[in-house]
Amino acid sequence: MPLIEITVARDTLNKEEQLRMAKAVQKAMIKEFEAMKGRTSSSYVIVREVANETWLATSRKE
């Protein structure tokens, strides 16, 4: 039973968007699991929001 965790910056997605994202990722994971294992699997998805100030982002210079 796979567990999928999605972490987003707080206030990036509203609740409806979080649910849509969770369902889309879950659907893709189940499809791939079925292709690899030949059987279905249940799964859990957690969408976690973190404070914006806790993100550290860097960009690569080309």
C-alpha atoms as a PDB file:
ATOM      1  CA  MET A   1       0.000   0.000   0.000  1.00  0.00           C
ATOM      2  CA  PRO A   2       1.937   3.033  -1.247  1.00  0.00           C
ATOM      3  CA  LEU A   3       1.987   6.304   0.643  1.00  0.00           C
ATOM      4  CA  ILE A   4       2.356   9.442  -1.450  1.00  0.00           C
ATOM      5  CA  GLU A   5       3.384  12.698   0.195  1.00  0.00           C
ATOM      6  CA  ILE A   6       3.014  16.040  -1.547  1.00  0.00           C
ATOM      7  CA  THR A   7       4.528  19.091   0.120  1.00  0.00           C
ATOM      8  CA  VAL A   8       3.545  22.573  -1.007  1.00  0.00           C
ATOM      9  CA  ALA A   9       4.229  26.068   0.267  1.00  0.00           C
ATOM     10  CA  ARG A  10       1.393  27.380   2.419  1.00  0.00           C
ATOM     11  CA  ASP A  11      -1.360  29.162   0.477  1.00  0.00           C
ATOM     12  CA  THR A  12      -0.042  27.868  -2.856  1.00  0.00           C
ATOM     13  CA  LEU A  13      -3.092  25.669  -3.470  1.00  0.00           C
ATOM     14  CA  ASN A  14      -6.587  25.970  -2.060  1.00  0.00           C
ATOM     15  CA  LYS A  15      -8.329  22.870  -0.672  1.00  0.00           C
ATOM     16  CA  GLU A  16     -10.035  22.014  -3.968  1.00  0.00           C
ATOM     17  CA  GLU A  17      -6.725  22.287  -5.836  1.00  0.00           C
ATOM     18  CA  GLN A  18      -4.995  20.132  -3.224  1.00  0.00           C
ATOM     19  CA  LEU A  19      -7.651  17.456  -3.680  1.00  0.00           C
ATOM     20  CA  ARG A  20      -7.365  17.639  -7.469  1.00  0.00           C
ATOM     21  CA  MET A  21      -3.566  17.311  -7.265  1.00  0.00           C
ATOM     22  CA  ALA A  22      -3.798  14.400  -4.831  1.00  0.00           C
ATOM     23  CA  LYS A  23      -6.278  12.531  -7.050  1.00  0.00           C
ATOM     24  CA  ALA A  24      -4.197  13.099 -10.196  1.00  0.00           C
ATOM     25  CA  VAL A  25      -0.977  11.872  -8.559  1.00  0.00           C
ATOM     26  CA  GLN A  26      -2.772   8.909  -6.991  1.00  0.00           C
ATOM     27  CA  LYS A  27      -4.321   7.938 -10.333  1.00  0.00           C
ATOM     28  CA  ALA A  28      -0.919   8.072 -12.074  1.00  0.00           C
ATOM     29  CA  MET A  29       0.725   6.012  -9.319  1.00  0.00           C
ATOM     30  CA  ILE A  30      -2.004   3.349  -9.409  1.00  0.00           C
ATOM     31  CA  LYS A  31      -1.752   3.110 -13.200  1.00  0.00           C
ATOM     32  CA  GLU A  32       2.022   2.618 -13.030  1.00  0.00           C
ATOM     33  CA  PHE A  33       1.718   0.125 -10.157  1.00  0.00           C
ATOM     34  CA  GLU A  34      -0.761  -1.933 -12.187  1.00  0.00           C
ATOM     35  CA  ALA A  35       1.594  -1.873 -15.193  1.00  0.00           C
ATOM     36  CA  MET A  36       4.538  -3.064 -13.088  1.00  0.00           C
ATOM     37  CA  LYS A  37       2.793  -5.575 -10.829  1.00  0.00           C
ATOM     38  CA  GLY A  38      -0.247  -6.586 -12.871  1.00  0.00           C
ATOM     39  CA  ARG A  39      -2.600  -5.879  -9.995  1.00  0.00           C
ATOM     40  CA  THR A  40      -4.276  -2.935  -8.339  1.00  0.00           C
ATOM     41  CA  SER A  41      -3.252  -1.369  -5.076  1.00  0.00           C
ATOM     42  CA  SER A  42      -4.867   0.979  -2.634  1.00  0.00           C
ATOM     43  CA  SER A  43      -2.881   4.023  -1.621  1.00  0.00           C
ATOM     44  CA  TYR A  44      -2.880   7.035   0.639  1.00  0.00           C
ATOM     45  CA  VAL A  45      -2.041  10.611  -0.330  1.00  0.00           C
ATOM     46  CA  ILE A  46      -1.013  13.286   2.152  1.00  0.00           C
ATOM     47  CA  VAL A  47      -0.857  16.924   1.096  1.00  0.00           C
ATOM     48  CA  ARG A  48       1.199  18.899   3.566  1.00  0.00           C
ATOM     49  CA  GLU A  49       1.577  22.657   3.657  1.00  0.00           C
ATOM     50  CA  VAL A  50       4.714  24.263   5.060  1.00  0.00           C
ATOM     51  CA  ALA A  51       5.461  27.879   5.845  1.00  0.00           C
ATOM     52  CA  ASN A  52       6.883  29.827   2.922  1.00  0.00           C
ATOM     53  CA  GLU A  53       9.867  30.990   4.940  1.00  0.00           C
ATOM     54  CA  THR A  54      11.028  27.400   5.436  1.00  0.00           C
ATOM     55  CA  TRP A  55      11.631  26.849   1.712  1.00  0.00           C
ATOM     56  CA  LEU A  56      15.151  27.192   0.410  1.00  0.00           C
ATOM     57  CA  ALA A  57      15.249  27.450  -3.346  1.00  0.00           C
ATOM     58  CA  THR A  58      18.189  27.928  -5.635  1.00  0.00           C
ATOM     59  CA  SER A  59      18.329  28.323  -9.364  1.00  0.00           C
ATOM     60  CA  ARG A  60      20.992  27.012 -11.697  1.00  0.00           C
ATOM     61  CA  LYS A  61      22.717  29.506 -13.890  1.00  0.00           C
ATOM     62  CA  GLU A  62      23.240  28.371 -17.437  1.00  0.00           C
END
